[in-house]
Amino acid sequence: MTQHWKEKRRYPRYPIHCPVSFMSFDELRFGETEDLSLGGMKIYSRTVLLEGKTYDFIVVMNGRAITPKGKIVYLQSQRTFTYGAGVSFLHLSEDHQNRLSGFLSVQRV
């Protein structure tokens, strides 16, 4: 029996490693993107994020930051004390959308 899987993502993902920070339990936490798109990102962190919870992220791309608000849509255990999380962007200012779009367009080359 063949299963047909349909991609649910609206935007293409790019395998880009950028530093990420966010607040969790009233402390600044850090991670790194595994991939990035106009609609979200996958991050790795030593901090467990909570599925369904919304976080304010700071993503630094070539020295310039964007500050998306994102919801954790899935979690993934990785190497020892490292966790993966899929983040769907809920809000990103127009200026930061343009900054992200420009950054990703350079990555396509």
C-alpha atoms as a PDB file:
ATOM      1  CA  MET A   1       0.000   0.000   0.000  1.00  0.00           C
ATOM      2  CA  THR A   2       1.430   3.366  -1.033  1.00  0.00           C
ATOM      3  CA  GLN A   3       1.024   6.381   1.195  1.00  0.00           C
ATOM      4  CA  HIS A   4       0.820   9.811  -0.335  1.00  0.00           C
ATOM      5  CA  TRP A   5       2.325  12.508   1.828  1.00  0.00           C
ATOM      6  CA  LYS A   6       1.565  16.128   1.077  1.00  0.00           C
ATOM      7  CA  GLU A   7       3.896  18.938   2.104  1.00  0.00           C
ATOM      8  CA  LYS A   8       2.007  21.275   4.445  1.00  0.00           C
ATOM      9  CA  ARG A   9       4.599  24.023   4.476  1.00  0.00           C
ATOM     10  CA  ARG A  10       3.728  27.150   2.557  1.00  0.00           C
ATOM     11  CA  TYR A  11       7.325  28.351   2.164  1.00  0.00           C
ATOM     12  CA  PRO A  12      10.513  26.509   1.195  1.00  0.00           C
ATOM     13  CA  ARG A  13      12.987  25.772   3.990  1.00  0.00           C
ATOM     14  CA  TYR A  14      16.671  26.582   3.798  1.00  0.00           C
ATOM     15  CA  PRO A  15      19.295  24.703   5.832  1.00  0.00           C
ATOM     16  CA  ILE A  16      20.715  27.752   7.595  1.00  0.00           C
ATOM     17  CA  HIS A  17      22.419  27.870  10.986  1.00  0.00           C
ATOM     18  CA  CYS A  18      21.776  31.167  12.785  1.00  0.00           C
ATOM     19  CA  PRO A  19      21.901  31.956  16.507  1.00  0.00           C
ATOM     20  CA  VAL A  20      18.515  32.125  18.244  1.00  0.00           C
ATOM     21  CA  SER A  21      17.583  33.396  21.694  1.00  0.00           C
ATOM     22  CA  PHE A  22      14.317  33.334  23.630  1.00  0.00           C
ATOM     23  CA  MET A  23      12.978  33.668  27.160  1.00  0.00           C
ATOM     24  CA  SER A  24      12.020  30.493  28.985  1.00  0.00           C
ATOM     25  CA  PHE A  25      11.181  30.282  32.692  1.00  0.00           C
ATOM     26  CA  ASP A  26      12.269  33.930  33.079  1.00  0.00           C
ATOM     27  CA  GLU A  27      15.761  33.227  31.739  1.00  0.00           C
ATOM     28  CA  LEU A  28      17.363  34.063  28.411  1.00  0.00           C
ATOM     29  CA  ARG A  29      18.018  30.815  26.542  1.00  0.00           C
ATOM     30  CA  PHE A  30      19.977  30.119  23.384  1.00  0.00           C
ATOM     31  CA  GLY A  31      19.833  27.821  20.408  1.00  0.00           C
ATOM     32  CA  GLU A  32      20.526  27.609  16.703  1.00  0.00           C
ATOM     33  CA  THR A  33      18.358  27.273  13.624  1.00  0.00           C
ATOM     34  CA  GLU A  34      18.559  24.037  11.680  1.00  0.00           C
ATOM     35  CA  ASP A  35      16.477  25.508   8.906  1.00  0.00           C
ATOM     36  CA  LEU A  36      14.672  28.762   8.231  1.00  0.00           C
ATOM     37  CA  SER A  37      11.787  29.924   6.023  1.00  0.00           C
ATOM     38  CA  LEU A  38       9.400  32.849   5.732  1.00  0.00           C
ATOM     39  CA  GLY A  39       6.868  30.833   7.728  1.00  0.00           C
ATOM     40  CA  GLY A  40       8.972  29.381  10.514  1.00  0.00           C
ATOM     41  CA  MET A  41      12.102  27.562  11.554  1.00  0.00           C
ATOM     42  CA  LYS A  42      13.449  24.460  13.179  1.00  0.00           C
ATOM     43  CA  ILE A  43      15.714  25.130  16.127  1.00  0.00           C
ATOM     44  CA  TYR A  44      17.982  23.128  18.373  1.00  0.00           C
ATOM     45  CA  SER A  45      18.467  24.126  21.979  1.00  0.00           C
ATOM     46  CA  ARG A  46      19.578  22.667  25.285  1.00  0.00           C
ATOM     47  CA  THR A  47      16.317  24.046  26.691  1.00  0.00           C
ATOM     48  CA  VAL A  48      13.124  22.047  26.380  1.00  0.00           C
ATOM     49  CA  LEU A  49      10.428  24.189  24.784  1.00  0.00           C
ATOM     50  CA  LEU A  50       6.752  23.471  25.366  1.00  0.00           C
ATOM     51  CA  GLU A  51       4.644  22.286  22.455  1.00  0.00           C
ATOM     52  CA  GLY A  52       1.782  24.690  21.735  1.00  0.00           C
ATOM     53  CA  LYS A  53       3.432  27.540  23.664  1.00  0.00           C
ATOM     54  CA  THR A  54       4.274  30.889  22.063  1.00  0.00           C
ATOM     55  CA  TYR A  55       7.732  32.429  22.450  1.00  0.00           C
ATOM     56  CA  ASP A  56       9.351  35.694  21.397  1.00  0.00           C
ATOM     57  CA  PHE A  57      12.493  34.787  19.458  1.00  0.00           C
ATOM     58  CA  ILE A  58      15.499  36.765  18.317  1.00  0.00           C
ATOM     59  CA  VAL A  59      17.190  35.327  15.222  1.00  0.00           C
ATOM     60  CA  VAL A  60      20.486  36.850  14.119  1.00  0.00           C
ATOM     61  CA  MET A  61      21.250  36.599  10.399  1.00  0.00           C
ATOM     62  CA  ASN A  62      24.631  37.986   9.295  1.00  0.00           C
ATOM     63  CA  GLY A  63      24.685  40.417  12.221  1.00  0.00           C
ATOM     64  CA  ARG A  64      21.106  41.666  11.729  1.00  0.00           C
ATOM     65  CA  ALA A  65      18.280  40.481  13.976  1.00  0.00           C
ATOM     66  CA  ILE A  66      14.626  39.695  13.418  1.00  0.00           C
ATOM     67  CA  THR A  67      12.168  39.200  16.277  1.00  0.00           C
ATOM     68  CA  PRO A  68       9.435  36.746  15.310  1.00  0.00           C
ATOM     69  CA  LYS A  69       6.744  35.577  17.691  1.00  0.00           C
ATOM     70  CA  GLY A  70       6.429  31.852  17.108  1.00  0.00           C
ATOM     71  CA  LYS A  71       4.442  28.864  18.272  1.00  0.00           C
ATOM     72  CA  ILE A  72       6.053  25.480  18.928  1.00  0.00           C
ATOM     73  CA  VAL A  73       4.295  23.045  16.597  1.00  0.00           C
ATOM     74  CA  TYR A  74       6.377  19.929  17.316  1.00  0.00           C
ATOM     75  CA  LEU A  75       9.194  18.714  19.526  1.00  0.00           C
ATOM     76  CA  GLN A  76      11.969  16.261  18.827  1.00  0.00           C
ATOM     77  CA  SER A  77      14.531  14.730  21.181  1.00  0.00           C
ATOM     78  CA  GLN A  78      18.020  14.817  19.745  1.00  0.00           C
ATOM     79  CA  ARG A  79      21.496  14.184  21.066  1.00  0.00           C
ATOM     80  CA  THR A  80      22.012  14.155  24.810  1.00  0.00           C
ATOM     81  CA  PHE A  81      20.551  17.314  26.333  1.00  0.00           C
ATOM     82  CA  THR A  82      19.683  18.786  22.934  1.00  0.00           C
ATOM     83  CA  TYR A  83      16.118  19.261  21.744  1.00  0.00           C
ATOM     84  CA  GLY A  84      14.628  20.112  18.378  1.00  0.00           C
ATOM     85  CA  ALA A  85      11.525  22.238  17.954  1.00  0.00           C
ATOM     86  CA  GLY A  86       9.494  23.247  14.934  1.00  0.00           C
ATOM     87  CA  VAL A  87       8.387  26.873  15.167  1.00  0.00           C
ATOM     88  CA  SER A  88       5.589  28.442  13.155  1.00  0.00           C
ATOM     89  CA  PHE A  89       5.832  32.227  12.936  1.00  0.00           C
ATOM     90  CA  LEU A  90       2.693  33.937  14.225  1.00  0.00           C
ATOM     91  CA  HIS A  91       3.896  37.512  13.875  1.00  0.00           C
ATOM     92  CA  LEU A  92       6.807  39.212  12.171  1.00  0.00           C
ATOM     93  CA  SER A  93       6.861  42.933  11.395  1.00  0.00           C
ATOM     94  CA  GLU A  94       6.849  43.963   7.745  1.00  0.00           C
ATOM     95  CA  ASP A  95      10.403  45.309   8.064  1.00  0.00           C
ATOM     96  CA  HIS A  96      11.597  42.009   9.540  1.00  0.00           C
ATOM     97  CA  GLN A  97       9.705  40.013   6.882  1.00  0.00           C
ATOM     98  CA  ASN A  98      11.564  41.992   4.232  1.00  0.00           C
ATOM     99  CA  ARG A  99      14.876  41.470   6.043  1.00  0.00           C
ATOM    100  CA  LEU A 100      14.251  37.710   6.266  1.00  0.00           C
ATOM    101  CA  SER A 101      13.106  37.515   2.639  1.00  0.00           C
ATOM    102  CA  GLY A 102      16.238  39.325   1.468  1.00  0.00           C
ATOM    103  CA  PHE A 103      18.454  37.074   3.580  1.00  0.00           C
ATOM    104  CA  LEU A 104      16.801  33.915   2.233  1.00  0.00           C
ATOM    105  CA  SER A 105      16.976  35.119  -1.387  1.00  0.00           C
ATOM    106  CA  VAL A 106      20.781  35.275  -1.091  1.00  0.00           C
ATOM    107  CA  GLN A 107      20.765  31.697   0.274  1.00  0.00           C
ATOM    108  CA  ARG A 108      19.008  30.353  -2.835  1.00  0.00           C
ATOM    109  CA  VAL A 109      22.024  31.024  -5.046  1.00  0.00           C
END
